[in-house]
Amino acid sequence: MKNNLKTTLTEREYEIFIFVVKGFTTTKIADELSLKSNTISTIKKNVHNKLGTNSDIELFKLAYKNSLVNL
């Protein structure tokens, strides 16, 4: 699934996905990338839709399952 995540998500969506699973808030991601919070929220919605998740916790579980993060 690791490679599948990269092919399922756009480069920007994958970048946001990684920020989210690292625990960054929407505001912090927006600050880091010099984007508006609304833009980040929209991208996060797209990520959730594409990956079939409903929460950031589910994104973290998915990332952990695919060895994208370590505890």
Protein backbone atom coordinates (compact mmCIF):
# COMPACT_ATOMS: atom_id res chain seq x y z
CA MET A 1 0.00 0.00 0.00
CA LYS A 2 2.97 2.35 0.59
CA ASN A 3 3.54 2.80 -3.15
CA ASN A 4 -0.20 2.81 -3.67
CA LEU A 5 -0.51 5.81 -1.34
CA LYS A 6 1.94 7.76 -3.46
CA THR A 7 0.11 6.88 -6.66
CA THR A 8 -3.35 7.44 -5.17
CA LEU A 9 -2.53 10.89 -3.79
CA THR A 10 -1.15 13.88 -5.62
CA GLU A 11 2.27 15.09 -4.51
CA ARG A 12 0.66 17.90 -2.48
CA GLU A 13 -1.91 15.55 -0.92
CA TYR A 14 0.85 13.14 0.08
CA GLU A 15 2.83 16.01 1.58
CA ILE A 16 -0.21 17.07 3.66
CA PHE A 17 -0.84 13.43 4.61
CA ILE A 18 2.69 13.18 6.05
CA PHE A 19 2.28 16.44 7.99
CA VAL A 20 -1.02 15.20 9.44
CA VAL A 21 0.37 11.86 10.56
CA LYS A 22 3.27 13.69 12.21
CA GLY A 23 0.71 15.54 14.31
CA PHE A 24 0.74 18.96 12.65
CA THR A 25 -2.45 21.00 12.96
CA THR A 26 -4.13 22.50 9.91
CA THR A 27 -2.90 25.94 10.95
CA LYS A 28 0.67 24.75 11.45
CA ILE A 29 0.69 23.00 8.06
CA ALA A 30 -0.64 26.17 6.43
CA ASP A 31 2.11 28.21 8.09
CA GLU A 32 4.82 25.72 7.07
CA LEU A 33 3.69 25.71 3.44
CA SER A 34 2.63 29.36 3.22
CA LEU A 35 -0.92 28.38 2.30
CA LYS A 36 -4.32 29.29 3.74
CA SER A 37 -5.91 27.04 6.35
CA ASN A 38 -8.94 26.61 4.09
CA THR A 39 -6.68 25.23 1.36
CA ILE A 40 -5.17 22.71 3.78
CA SER A 41 -8.65 21.70 4.98
CA THR A 42 -9.76 21.10 1.40
CA ILE A 43 -6.69 19.01 0.64
CA LYS A 44 -7.21 17.00 3.85
CA LYS A 45 -10.81 16.30 2.78
CA ASN A 46 -9.54 15.05 -0.57
CA VAL A 47 -7.01 12.80 1.18
CA HIS A 48 -9.72 11.36 3.44
CA ASN A 49 -12.01 10.77 0.46
CA LYS A 50 -9.32 9.05 -1.60
CA LEU A 51 -8.11 6.86 1.27
CA GLY A 52 -11.54 6.11 2.73
CA THR A 53 -10.76 7.58 6.14
CA ASN A 54 -12.86 9.81 8.37
CA SER A 55 -10.33 11.17 10.85
CA ASP A 56 -6.70 12.09 11.28
CA ILE A 57 -6.37 9.15 13.69
CA GLU A 58 -7.40 6.81 10.86
CA LEU A 59 -4.76 8.45 8.65
CA PHE A 60 -2.16 7.83 11.34
CA LYS A 61 -3.22 4.16 11.63
CA LEU A 62 -2.93 3.80 7.86
CA ALA A 63 0.51 5.39 7.86
CA TYR A 64 1.66 3.18 10.74
CA LYS A 65 0.30 0.06 9.04
CA ASN A 66 2.31 0.98 5.94
CA SER A 67 5.51 1.72 7.91
CA LEU A 68 5.43 5.42 7.11
CA VAL A 69 5.74 6.39 10.78
CA ASN A 70 7.29 4.77 13.84
CA LEU A 71 6.23 5.02 17.46
